[in-house]
Every structure is written in structure tokens, then in C-alpha cells.
Amino acid sequence: EQGLSPVVVKGIMCRNLYSDGDCRFSTDEDLFVSEEDFEQY
């Protein structure tokens, strides 16, 4: 909504591969952004 669109790696992207993603445990989520936009994020 703020015009930002970070790239998701691992985490929920991997959980989406399973028939019941909530059974694939992960403690955190990972977002990949450009170094130039890092402070904005």
C-alpha cells in the first residue's frame, strides 16, 4: 500500500509448496531488497 514490493525468499514461499503449508515450520520471514532502498524499508 506504500508502494513497496520486497522480494520474498524462503519462509512462506517454501511453505506454499506443501499441501498444508502451516505444517512446514519456519520461525521468520526473509525479504530481499536493493541496497539503495534498504533505509526506506
PDB file of all heavy atoms in Angstrom:
ATOM      1  N   GLU A   1       0.829  -1.210   0.000  1.00  0.00           N
ATOM      2  CA  GLU A   1       0.000   0.000   0.000  1.00  0.00           C
ATOM      3  C   GLU A   1       0.862   1.258   0.000  1.00  0.00           C
ATOM      4  O   GLU A   1       0.424   2.320  -0.445  1.00  0.00           O
ATOM      5  CB  GLU A   1      -0.914   0.005   1.221  1.00  0.00           C
ATOM      6  CG  GLU A   1      -2.064  -1.008   1.129  1.00  0.00           C
ATOM      7  CD  GLU A   1      -2.795  -1.184   2.447  1.00  0.00           C
ATOM      8  OE1 GLU A   1      -2.456  -0.457   3.411  1.00  0.00           O
ATOM      9  OE2 GLU A   1      -3.689  -2.048   2.526  1.00  0.00           O
ATOM     10  N   GLN A   2       2.106   1.133   0.478  1.00  0.00           N
ATOM     11  CA  GLN A   2       3.031   2.268   0.482  1.00  0.00           C
ATOM     12  C   GLN A   2       3.875   2.316  -0.789  1.00  0.00           C
ATOM     13  O   GLN A   2       4.815   3.099  -0.890  1.00  0.00           O
ATOM     14  CB  GLN A   2       3.965   2.177   1.700  1.00  0.00           C
ATOM     15  CG  GLN A   2       3.250   2.247   3.039  1.00  0.00           C
ATOM     16  CD  GLN A   2       4.220   2.132   4.202  1.00  0.00           C
ATOM     17  OE1 GLN A   2       5.248   2.821   4.237  1.00  0.00           O
ATOM     18  NE2 GLN A   2       3.920   1.273   5.156  1.00  0.00           N
ATOM     19  N   GLY A   3       3.543   1.442  -1.746  1.00  0.00           N
ATOM     20  CA  GLY A   3       4.289   1.427  -2.996  1.00  0.00           C
ATOM     21  C   GLY A   3       5.561   0.602  -2.937  1.00  0.00           C
ATOM     22  O   GLY A   3       6.400   0.672  -3.845  1.00  0.00           O
ATOM     23  N   LEU A   4       5.716  -0.203  -1.895  1.00  0.00           N
ATOM     24  CA  LEU A   4       6.899  -1.045  -1.740  1.00  0.00           C
ATOM     25  C   LEU A   4       6.555  -2.483  -2.130  1.00  0.00           C
ATOM     26  O   LEU A   4       5.438  -2.935  -1.922  1.00  0.00           O
ATOM     27  CB  LEU A   4       7.396  -1.016  -0.291  1.00  0.00           C
ATOM     28  CG  LEU A   4       7.764   0.375   0.255  1.00  0.00           C
ATOM     29  CD1 LEU A   4       8.066   0.307   1.749  1.00  0.00           C
ATOM     30  CD2 LEU A   4       8.967   0.939  -0.495  1.00  0.00           C
ATOM     31  N   SER A   5       7.523  -3.180  -2.683  1.00  0.00           N
ATOM     32  CA  SER A   5       7.261  -4.574  -3.080  1.00  0.00           C
ATOM     33  C   SER A   5       8.528  -5.404  -2.890  1.00  0.00           C
ATOM     34  O   SER A   5       9.234  -5.720  -3.845  1.00  0.00           O
ATOM     35  CB  SER A   5       6.800  -4.653  -4.534  1.00  0.00           C
ATOM     36  OG  SER A   5       7.742  -4.003  -5.379  1.00  0.00           O
ATOM     37  N   PRO A   6       8.827  -5.766  -1.646  1.00  0.00           N
ATOM     38  CA  PRO A   6      10.026  -6.561  -1.372  1.00  0.00           C
ATOM     39  C   PRO A   6       9.894  -7.969  -1.943  1.00  0.00           C
ATOM     40  O   PRO A   6       8.790  -8.482  -2.132  1.00  0.00           O
ATOM     41  CB  PRO A   6      10.077  -6.600   0.161  1.00  0.00           C
ATOM     42  CG  PRO A   6       8.659  -6.417   0.590  1.00  0.00           C
ATOM     43  CD  PRO A   6       8.050  -5.493  -0.423  1.00  0.00           C
ATOM     44  N   VAL A   7      11.024  -8.589  -2.212  1.00  0.00           N
ATOM     45  CA  VAL A   7      11.051  -9.941  -2.766  1.00  0.00           C
ATOM     46  C   VAL A   7      11.140 -10.945  -1.616  1.00  0.00           C
ATOM     47  O   VAL A   7      12.030 -10.876  -0.777  1.00  0.00           O
ATOM     48  CB  VAL A   7      12.250 -10.107  -3.728  1.00  0.00           C
ATOM     49  CG1 VAL A   7      12.410 -11.563  -4.152  1.00  0.00           C
ATOM     50  CG2 VAL A   7      12.056  -9.221  -4.949  1.00  0.00           C
ATOM     51  N   VAL A   8      10.200 -11.873  -1.577  1.00  0.00           N
ATOM     52  CA  VAL A   8      10.149 -12.886  -0.529  1.00  0.00           C
ATOM     53  C   VAL A   8      11.021 -14.073  -0.923  1.00  0.00           C
ATOM     54  O   VAL A   8      10.918 -14.585  -2.036  1.00  0.00           O
ATOM     55  CB  VAL A   8       8.704 -13.372  -0.297  1.00  0.00           C
ATOM     56  CG1 VAL A   8       8.664 -14.476   0.753  1.00  0.00           C
ATOM     57  CG2 VAL A   8       7.814 -12.211   0.113  1.00  0.00           C
ATOM     58  N   VAL A   9      11.908 -14.474  -0.022  1.00  0.00           N
ATOM     59  CA  VAL A   9      12.699 -15.693  -0.235  1.00  0.00           C
ATOM     60  C   VAL A   9      12.496 -16.616   0.964  1.00  0.00           C
ATOM     61  O   VAL A   9      12.274 -16.165   2.083  1.00  0.00           O
ATOM     62  CB  VAL A   9      14.206 -15.380  -0.426  1.00  0.00           C
ATOM     63  CG1 VAL A   9      14.443 -14.648  -1.732  1.00  0.00           C
ATOM     64  CG2 VAL A   9      14.770 -14.570   0.740  1.00  0.00           C
ATOM     65  N   LYS A  10      12.553 -17.928   0.700  1.00  0.00           N
ATOM     66  CA  LYS A  10      12.344 -18.950   1.746  1.00  0.00           C
ATOM     67  C   LYS A  10      10.990 -18.741   2.444  1.00  0.00           C
ATOM     68  O   LYS A  10      10.045 -18.262   1.837  1.00  0.00           O
ATOM     69  CB  LYS A  10      13.493 -18.927   2.749  1.00  0.00           C
ATOM     70  CG  LYS A  10      14.861 -19.202   2.149  1.00  0.00           C
ATOM     71  CD  LYS A  10      15.917 -19.276   3.242  1.00  0.00           C
ATOM     72  CE  LYS A  10      16.047 -17.980   4.010  1.00  0.00           C
ATOM     73  NZ  LYS A  10      16.928 -18.058   5.172  1.00  0.00           N
ATOM     74  N   GLY A  11      10.904 -19.089   3.718  1.00  0.00           N
ATOM     75  CA  GLY A  11       9.721 -18.842   4.523  1.00  0.00           C
ATOM     76  C   GLY A  11       8.415 -19.223   3.868  1.00  0.00           C
ATOM     77  O   GLY A  11       8.206 -20.364   3.456  1.00  0.00           O
ATOM     78  N   ILE A  12       7.534 -18.244   3.740  1.00  0.00           N
ATOM     79  CA  ILE A  12       6.188 -18.507   3.232  1.00  0.00           C
ATOM     80  C   ILE A  12       6.204 -18.981   1.779  1.00  0.00           C
ATOM     81  O   ILE A  12       5.318 -19.713   1.346  1.00  0.00           O
ATOM     82  CB  ILE A  12       5.303 -17.249   3.396  1.00  0.00           C
ATOM     83  CG1 ILE A  12       3.821 -17.645   3.375  1.00  0.00           C
ATOM     84  CG2 ILE A  12       5.624 -16.188   2.357  1.00  0.00           C
ATOM     85  CD1 ILE A  12       2.901 -16.547   3.875  1.00  0.00           C
ATOM     86  N   MET A  13       7.239 -18.600   1.039  1.00  0.00           N
ATOM     87  CA  MET A  13       7.370 -19.084  -0.333  1.00  0.00           C
ATOM     88  C   MET A  13       7.577 -20.600  -0.337  1.00  0.00           C
ATOM     89  O   MET A  13       6.999 -21.324  -1.155  1.00  0.00           O
ATOM     90  CB  MET A  13       8.541 -18.370  -1.023  1.00  0.00           C
ATOM     91  CG  MET A  13       8.680 -18.666  -2.508  1.00  0.00           C
ATOM     92  SD  MET A  13       9.539 -20.216  -2.893  1.00  0.00           S
ATOM     93  CE  MET A  13      11.161 -19.890  -2.214  1.00  0.00           C
ATOM     94  N   CYS A  14       8.378 -21.100   0.598  1.00  0.00           N
ATOM     95  CA  CYS A  14       8.586 -22.547   0.712  1.00  0.00           C
ATOM     96  C   CYS A  14       7.348 -23.237   1.274  1.00  0.00           C
ATOM     97  O   CYS A  14       6.969 -24.319   0.809  1.00  0.00           O
ATOM     98  CB  CYS A  14       9.794 -22.834   1.599  1.00  0.00           C
ATOM     99  SG  CYS A  14      11.390 -22.450   0.841  1.00  0.00           S
ATOM    100  N   ARG A  15       6.712 -22.637   2.256  1.00  0.00           N
ATOM    101  CA  ARG A  15       5.516 -23.254   2.842  1.00  0.00           C
ATOM    102  C   ARG A  15       4.429 -23.447   1.789  1.00  0.00           C
ATOM    103  O   ARG A  15       3.636 -24.379   1.863  1.00  0.00           O
ATOM    104  CB  ARG A  15       4.986 -22.416   4.010  1.00  0.00           C
ATOM    105  CG  ARG A  15       5.931 -22.371   5.200  1.00  0.00           C
ATOM    106  CD  ARG A  15       5.212 -21.964   6.476  1.00  0.00           C
ATOM    107  NE  ARG A  15       4.622 -20.641   6.413  1.00  0.00           N
ATOM    108  CZ  ARG A  15       5.275 -19.502   6.566  1.00  0.00           C
ATOM    109  NH1 ARG A  15       6.584 -19.510   6.799  1.00  0.00           N
ATOM    110  NH2 ARG A  15       4.652 -18.336   6.515  1.00  0.00           N
ATOM    111  N   ASN A  16       4.408 -22.566   0.811  1.00  0.00           N
ATOM    112  CA  ASN A  16       3.400 -22.645  -0.241  1.00  0.00           C
ATOM    113  C   ASN A  16       3.571 -23.880  -1.128  1.00  0.00           C
ATOM    114  O   ASN A  16       2.679 -24.227  -1.895  1.00  0.00           O
ATOM    115  CB  ASN A  16       3.466 -21.375  -1.097  1.00  0.00           C
ATOM    116  CG  ASN A  16       2.256 -21.191  -1.974  1.00  0.00           C
ATOM    117  OD1 ASN A  16       1.119 -21.250  -1.502  1.00  0.00           O
ATOM    118  ND2 ASN A  16       2.481 -20.978  -3.259  1.00  0.00           N
ATOM    119  N   LEU A  17       4.706 -24.568  -1.002  1.00  0.00           N
ATOM    120  CA  LEU A  17       4.970 -25.764  -1.805  1.00  0.00           C
ATOM    121  C   LEU A  17       4.270 -26.995  -1.248  1.00  0.00           C
ATOM    122  O   LEU A  17       4.100 -27.991  -1.954  1.00  0.00           O
ATOM    123  CB  LEU A  17       6.482 -26.045  -1.845  1.00  0.00           C
ATOM    124  CG  LEU A  17       7.381 -24.965  -2.449  1.00  0.00           C
ATOM    125  CD1 LEU A  17       8.835 -25.272  -2.135  1.00  0.00           C
ATOM    126  CD2 LEU A  17       7.164 -24.864  -3.956  1.00  0.00           C
ATOM    127  N   TYR A  18       3.868 -26.937   0.014  1.00  0.00           N
ATOM    128  CA  TYR A  18       3.339 -28.113   0.702  1.00  0.00           C
ATOM    129  C   TYR A  18       1.817 -28.116   0.677  1.00  0.00           C
ATOM    130  O   TYR A  18       1.173 -27.065   0.611  1.00  0.00           O
ATOM    131  CB  TYR A  18       3.841 -28.138   2.147  1.00  0.00           C
ATOM    132  CG  TYR A  18       5.346 -28.275   2.252  1.00  0.00           C
ATOM    133  CD1 TYR A  18       6.190 -27.176   2.077  1.00  0.00           C
ATOM    134  CD2 TYR A  18       5.937 -29.511   2.515  1.00  0.00           C
ATOM    135  CE1 TYR A  18       7.573 -27.301   2.163  1.00  0.00           C
ATOM    136  CE2 TYR A  18       7.311 -29.644   2.611  1.00  0.00           C
ATOM    137  CZ  TYR A  18       8.127 -28.537   2.426  1.00  0.00           C
ATOM    138  OH  TYR A  18       9.500 -28.659   2.515  1.00  0.00           O
ATOM    139  N   SER A  19       1.238 -29.323   0.752  1.00  0.00           N
ATOM    140  CA  SER A  19      -0.218 -29.441   0.716  1.00  0.00           C
ATOM    141  C   SER A  19      -0.864 -28.717   1.890  1.00  0.00           C
ATOM    142  O   SER A  19      -1.965 -28.175   1.769  1.00  0.00           O
ATOM    143  CB  SER A  19      -0.635 -30.913   0.709  1.00  0.00           C
ATOM    144  OG  SER A  19      -0.106 -31.596   1.823  1.00  0.00           O
ATOM    145  N   ASP A  20      -0.195 -28.710   3.044  1.00  0.00           N
ATOM    146  CA  ASP A  20      -0.645 -27.923   4.196  1.00  0.00           C
ATOM    147  C   ASP A  20       0.539 -27.104   4.677  1.00  0.00           C
ATOM    148  O   ASP A  20       1.341 -27.550   5.500  1.00  0.00           O
ATOM    149  CB  ASP A  20      -1.160 -28.837   5.315  1.00  0.00           C
ATOM    150  CG  ASP A  20      -1.797 -28.045   6.460  1.00  0.00           C
ATOM    151  OD1 ASP A  20      -1.660 -26.803   6.474  1.00  0.00           O
ATOM    152  OD2 ASP A  20      -2.422 -28.665   7.326  1.00  0.00           O
ATOM    153  N   GLY A  21       0.651 -25.905   4.126  1.00  0.00           N
ATOM    154  CA  GLY A  21       1.830 -25.078   4.380  1.00  0.00           C
ATOM    155  C   GLY A  21       2.066 -24.741   5.831  1.00  0.00           C
ATOM    156  O   GLY A  21       3.212 -24.534   6.254  1.00  0.00           O
ATOM    157  N   ASP A  22       1.000 -24.664   6.634  1.00  0.00           N
ATOM    158  CA  ASP A  22       1.174 -24.305   8.039  1.00  0.00           C
ATOM    159  C   ASP A  22       1.826 -25.424   8.845  1.00  0.00           C
ATOM    160  O   ASP A  22       2.205 -25.214   9.996  1.00  0.00           O
ATOM    161  CB  ASP A  22      -0.172 -23.927   8.662  1.00  0.00           C
ATOM    162  CG  ASP A  22      -0.697 -22.614   8.102  1.00  0.00           C
ATOM    163  OD1 ASP A  22       0.092 -21.663   8.018  1.00  0.00           O
ATOM    164  OD2 ASP A  22      -1.878 -22.545   7.732  1.00  0.00           O
ATOM    165  N   CYS A  23       1.952 -26.596   8.235  1.00  0.00           N
ATOM    166  CA  CYS A  23       2.668 -27.695   8.896  1.00  0.00           C
ATOM    167  C   CYS A  23       4.170 -27.634   8.616  1.00  0.00           C
ATOM    168  O   CYS A  23       4.942 -28.369   9.228  1.00  0.00           O
ATOM    169  CB  CYS A  23       2.121 -29.042   8.432  1.00  0.00           C
ATOM    170  SG  CYS A  23       0.498 -29.425   9.120  1.00  0.00           S
ATOM    171  N   ARG A  24       4.567 -26.777   7.677  1.00  0.00           N
ATOM    172  CA  ARG A  24       6.004 -26.595   7.413  1.00  0.00           C
ATOM    173  C   ARG A  24       6.486 -25.451   8.299  1.00  0.00           C
ATOM    174  O   ARG A  24       6.231 -24.281   8.040  1.00  0.00           O
ATOM    175  CB  ARG A  24       6.223 -26.299   5.923  1.00  0.00           C
ATOM    176  CG  ARG A  24       7.695 -26.366   5.467  1.00  0.00           C
ATOM    177  CD  ARG A  24       8.414 -25.107   5.789  1.00  0.00           C
ATOM    178  NE  ARG A  24       9.737 -25.017   5.185  1.00  0.00           N
ATOM    179  CZ  ARG A  24      10.643 -24.131   5.560  1.00  0.00           C
ATOM    180  NH1 ARG A  24      10.379 -23.283   6.549  1.00  0.00           N
ATOM    181  NH2 ARG A  24      11.799 -24.089   4.963  1.00  0.00           N
ATOM    182  N   PHE A  25       7.198 -25.790   9.351  1.00  0.00           N
ATOM    183  CA  PHE A  25       7.587 -24.844  10.396  1.00  0.00           C
ATOM    184  C   PHE A  25       8.659 -23.869   9.900  1.00  0.00           C
ATOM    185  O   PHE A  25       9.612 -24.262   9.236  1.00  0.00           O
ATOM    186  CB  PHE A  25       8.122 -25.634  11.589  1.00  0.00           C
ATOM    187  CG  PHE A  25       8.566 -24.797  12.753  1.00  0.00           C
ATOM    188  CD1 PHE A  25       7.642 -24.360  13.685  1.00  0.00           C
ATOM    189  CD2 PHE A  25       9.896 -24.455  12.927  1.00  0.00           C
ATOM    190  CE1 PHE A  25       8.045 -23.588  14.767  1.00  0.00           C
ATOM    191  CE2 PHE A  25      10.308 -23.688  14.006  1.00  0.00           C
ATOM    192  CZ  PHE A  25       9.380 -23.259  14.930  1.00  0.00           C
ATOM    193  N   SER A  26       8.494 -22.577  10.202  1.00  0.00           N
ATOM    194  CA  SER A  26       9.566 -21.598   9.999  1.00  0.00           C
ATOM    195  C   SER A  26       9.392 -20.468  11.001  1.00  0.00           C
ATOM    196  O   SER A  26       8.272 -20.011  11.241  1.00  0.00           O
ATOM    197  CB  SER A  26       9.586 -21.059   8.566  1.00  0.00           C
ATOM    198  OG  SER A  26       8.345 -20.536   8.188  1.00  0.00           O
ATOM    199  N   THR A  27      10.484 -20.047  11.580  1.00  0.00           N
ATOM    200  CA  THR A  27      10.413 -19.070  12.676  1.00  0.00           C
ATOM    201  C   THR A  27      10.361 -17.634  12.195  1.00  0.00           C
ATOM    202  O   THR A  27       9.933 -16.745  12.936  1.00  0.00           O
ATOM    203  CB  THR A  27      11.628 -19.216  13.608  1.00  0.00           C
ATOM    204  OG1 THR A  27      12.832 -19.085  12.829  1.00  0.00           O
ATOM    205  CG2 THR A  27      11.623 -20.564  14.309  1.00  0.00           C
ATOM    206  N   ASP A  28      10.823 -17.378  10.960  1.00  0.00           N
ATOM    207  CA  ASP A  28      10.851 -15.991  10.488  1.00  0.00           C
ATOM    208  C   ASP A  28      10.582 -15.936   8.992  1.00  0.00           C
ATOM    209  O   ASP A  28      10.443 -16.958   8.331  1.00  0.00           O
ATOM    210  CB  ASP A  28      12.197 -15.327  10.819  1.00  0.00           C
ATOM    211  CG  ASP A  28      13.384 -16.121  10.284  1.00  0.00           C
ATOM    212  OD1 ASP A  28      13.248 -16.751   9.215  1.00  0.00           O
ATOM    213  OD2 ASP A  28      14.443 -16.128  10.920  1.00  0.00           O
ATOM    214  N   GLU A  29      10.499 -14.724   8.481  1.00  0.00           N
ATOM    215  CA  GLU A  29      10.320 -14.494   7.051  1.00  0.00           C
ATOM    216  C   GLU A  29      11.508 -13.684   6.538  1.00  0.00           C
ATOM    217  O   GLU A  29      12.081 -12.876   7.277  1.00  0.00           O
ATOM    218  CB  GLU A  29       9.019 -13.741   6.776  1.00  0.00           C
ATOM    219  CG  GLU A  29       7.767 -14.462   7.231  1.00  0.00           C
ATOM    220  CD  GLU A  29       7.479 -15.732   6.467  1.00  0.00           C
ATOM    221  OE1 GLU A  29       8.003 -15.894   5.342  1.00  0.00           O
ATOM    222  OE2 GLU A  29       6.729 -16.578   6.987  1.00  0.00           O
ATOM    223  N   ASP A  30      11.879 -13.905   5.280  1.00  0.00           N
ATOM    224  CA  ASP A  30      13.029 -13.225   4.692  1.00  0.00           C
ATOM    225  C   ASP A  30      12.601 -12.375   3.503  1.00  0.00           C
ATOM    226  O   ASP A  30      11.903 -12.863   2.598  1.00  0.00           O
ATOM    227  CB  ASP A  30      14.063 -14.255   4.230  1.00  0.00           C
ATOM    228  CG  ASP A  30      14.666 -15.023   5.389  1.00  0.00           C
ATOM    229  OD1 ASP A  30      14.035 -15.995   5.851  1.00  0.00           O
ATOM    230  OD2 ASP A  30      15.766 -14.652   5.831  1.00  0.00           O
ATOM    231  N   LEU A  31      13.032 -11.119   3.515  1.00  0.00           N
ATOM    232  CA  LEU A  31      12.735 -10.197   2.422  1.00  0.00           C
ATOM    233  C   LEU A  31      14.040  -9.692   1.825  1.00  0.00           C
ATOM    234  O   LEU A  31      14.975  -9.329   2.552  1.00  0.00           O
ATOM    235  CB  LEU A  31      11.904  -9.012   2.933  1.00  0.00           C
ATOM    236  CG  LEU A  31      10.518  -9.327   3.504  1.00  0.00           C
ATOM    237  CD1 LEU A  31       9.860  -8.052   4.003  1.00  0.00           C
ATOM    238  CD2 LEU A  31       9.640 -10.007   2.457  1.00  0.00           C
ATOM    239  N   PHE A  32      14.100  -9.637   0.513  1.00  0.00           N
ATOM    240  CA  PHE A  32      15.275  -9.199  -0.227  1.00  0.00           C
ATOM    241  C   PHE A  32      14.938  -7.895  -0.942  1.00  0.00           C
ATOM    242  O   PHE A  32      13.974  -7.827  -1.703  1.00  0.00           O
ATOM    243  CB  PHE A  32      15.654 -10.300  -1.222  1.00  0.00           C
ATOM    244  CG  PHE A  32      16.844 -10.005  -2.091  1.00  0.00           C
ATOM    245  CD1 PHE A  32      17.901  -9.217  -1.654  1.00  0.00           C
ATOM    246  CD2 PHE A  32      16.920 -10.556  -3.380  1.00  0.00           C
ATOM    247  CE1 PHE A  32      19.002  -8.978  -2.462  1.00  0.00           C
ATOM    248  CE2 PHE A  32      18.003 -10.317  -4.191  1.00  0.00           C
ATOM    249  CZ  PHE A  32      19.048  -9.524  -3.738  1.00  0.00           C
ATOM    250  N   VAL A  33      15.731  -6.846  -0.648  1.00  0.00           N
ATOM    251  CA  VAL A  33      15.500  -5.534  -1.261  1.00  0.00           C
ATOM    252  C   VAL A  33      16.847  -4.993  -1.747  1.00  0.00           C
ATOM    253  O   VAL A  33      17.899  -5.492  -1.365  1.00  0.00           O
ATOM    254  CB  VAL A  33      14.855  -4.543  -0.268  1.00  0.00           C
ATOM    255  CG1 VAL A  33      13.532  -5.084   0.255  1.00  0.00           C
ATOM    256  CG2 VAL A  33      15.780  -4.232   0.900  1.00  0.00           C
ATOM    257  N   SER A  34      16.799  -3.957  -2.557  1.00  0.00           N
ATOM    258  CA  SER A  34      18.048  -3.374  -3.041  1.00  0.00           C
ATOM    259  C   SER A  34      18.731  -2.599  -1.918  1.00  0.00           C
ATOM    260  O   SER A  34      18.087  -2.113  -0.986  1.00  0.00           O
ATOM    261  CB  SER A  34      17.788  -2.445  -4.228  1.00  0.00           C
ATOM    262  OG  SER A  34      17.089  -1.287  -3.799  1.00  0.00           O
ATOM    263  N   GLU A  35      20.036  -2.487  -2.034  1.00  0.00           N
ATOM    264  CA  GLU A  35      20.796  -1.749  -1.018  1.00  0.00           C
ATOM    265  C   GLU A  35      20.357  -0.285  -0.989  1.00  0.00           C
ATOM    266  O   GLU A  35      20.318   0.337   0.083  1.00  0.00           O
ATOM    267  CB  GLU A  35      22.294  -1.856  -1.318  1.00  0.00           C
ATOM    268  CG  GLU A  35      23.178  -1.386  -0.179  1.00  0.00           C
ATOM    269  CD  GLU A  35      24.623  -1.814  -0.344  1.00  0.00           C
ATOM    270  OE1 GLU A  35      24.955  -2.489  -1.340  1.00  0.00           O
ATOM    271  OE2 GLU A  35      25.437  -1.456   0.529  1.00  0.00           O
ATOM    272  N   GLU A  36      19.987   0.262  -2.152  1.00  0.00           N
ATOM    273  CA  GLU A  36      19.564   1.667  -2.230  1.00  0.00           C
ATOM    274  C   GLU A  36      18.249   1.897  -1.474  1.00  0.00           C
ATOM    275  O   GLU A  36      18.033   2.972  -0.905  1.00  0.00           O
ATOM    276  CB  GLU A  36      19.381   2.083  -3.690  1.00  0.00           C
ATOM    277  CG  GLU A  36      20.648   2.096  -4.525  1.00  0.00           C
ATOM    278  CD  GLU A  36      21.105   0.704  -4.946  1.00  0.00           C
ATOM    279  OE1 GLU A  36      20.268  -0.234  -4.910  1.00  0.00           O
ATOM    280  OE2 GLU A  36      22.294   0.549  -5.284  1.00  0.00           O
ATOM    281  N   ASP A  37      17.384   0.901  -1.461  1.00  0.00           N
ATOM    282  CA  ASP A  37      16.070   1.048  -0.819  1.00  0.00           C
ATOM    283  C   ASP A  37      16.053   0.567   0.632  1.00  0.00           C
ATOM    284  O   ASP A  37      15.013   0.651   1.292  1.00  0.00           O
ATOM    285  CB  ASP A  37      15.016   0.254  -1.599  1.00  0.00           C
ATOM    286  CG  ASP A  37      14.776   0.818  -2.989  1.00  0.00           C
ATOM    287  OD1 ASP A  37      15.080   2.006  -3.196  1.00  0.00           O
ATOM    288  OD2 ASP A  37      14.306   0.066  -3.861  1.00  0.00           O
ATOM    289  N   PHE A  38      17.174   0.074   1.115  1.00  0.00           N
ATOM    290  CA  PHE A  38      17.208  -0.584   2.427  1.00  0.00           C
ATOM    291  C   PHE A  38      16.730   0.344   3.543  1.00  0.00           C
ATOM    292  O   PHE A  38      15.885  -0.033   4.370  1.00  0.00           O
ATOM    293  CB  PHE A  38      18.629  -1.083   2.708  1.00  0.00           C
ATOM    294  CG  PHE A  38      18.728  -2.027   3.878  1.00  0.00           C
ATOM    295  CD1 PHE A  38      18.326  -3.346   3.749  1.00  0.00           C
ATOM    296  CD2 PHE A  38      19.211  -1.591   5.100  1.00  0.00           C
ATOM    297  CE1 PHE A  38      18.416  -4.222   4.819  1.00  0.00           C
ATOM    298  CE2 PHE A  38      19.305  -2.458   6.172  1.00  0.00           C
ATOM    299  CZ  PHE A  38      18.909  -3.779   6.031  1.00  0.00           C
ATOM    300  N   GLU A  39      17.235   1.563   3.572  1.00  0.00           N
ATOM    301  CA  GLU A  39      16.861   2.508   4.636  1.00  0.00           C
ATOM    302  C   GLU A  39      15.382   2.871   4.556  1.00  0.00           C
ATOM    303  O   GLU A  39      14.720   3.050   5.583  1.00  0.00           O
ATOM    304  CB  GLU A  39      17.730   3.773   4.550  1.00  0.00           C
ATOM    305  CG  GLU A  39      19.189   3.552   4.920  1.00  0.00           C
ATOM    306  CD  GLU A  39      19.367   3.051   6.344  1.00  0.00           C
ATOM    307  OE1 GLU A  39      18.605   3.509   7.240  1.00  0.00           O
ATOM    308  OE2 GLU A  39      20.250   2.220   6.573  1.00  0.00           O
ATOM    309  N   GLN A  40      14.869   2.977   3.344  1.00  0.00           N
ATOM    310  CA  GLN A  40      13.444   3.274   3.165  1.00  0.00           C
ATOM    311  C   GLN A  40      12.588   2.163   3.775  1.00  0.00           C
ATOM    312  O   GLN A  40      11.569   2.425   4.423  1.00  0.00           O
ATOM    313  CB  GLN A  40      13.127   3.434   1.677  1.00  0.00           C
ATOM    314  CG  GLN A  40      11.668   3.807   1.401  1.00  0.00           C
ATOM    315  CD  GLN A  40      11.361   3.907  -0.085  1.00  0.00           C
ATOM    316  OE1 GLN A  40      12.238   3.727  -0.937  1.00  0.00           O
ATOM    317  NE2 GLN A  40      10.114   4.189  -0.406  1.00  0.00           N
ATOM    318  N   TYR A  41      13.029   0.937   3.592  1.00  0.00           N
ATOM    319  CA  TYR A  41      12.294  -0.197   4.169  1.00  0.00           C
ATOM    320  C   TYR A  41      12.380  -0.184   5.698  1.00  0.00           C
ATOM    321  O   TYR A  41      11.393  -0.489   6.379  1.00  0.00           O
ATOM    322  CB  TYR A  41      12.826  -1.519   3.616  1.00  0.00           C
ATOM    323  CG  TYR A  41      12.174  -1.911   2.310  1.00  0.00           C
ATOM    324  CD1 TYR A  41      12.779  -1.619   1.094  1.00  0.00           C
ATOM    325  CD2 TYR A  41      10.946  -2.562   2.291  1.00  0.00           C
ATOM    326  CE1 TYR A  41      12.184  -1.978  -0.115  1.00  0.00           C
ATOM    327  CE2 TYR A  41      10.337  -2.927   1.102  1.00  0.00           C
ATOM    328  CZ  TYR A  41      10.965  -2.627  -0.102  1.00  0.00           C
ATOM    329  OH  TYR A  41      10.366  -2.972  -1.280  1.00  0.00           O
TER     330      TYR A  41
END
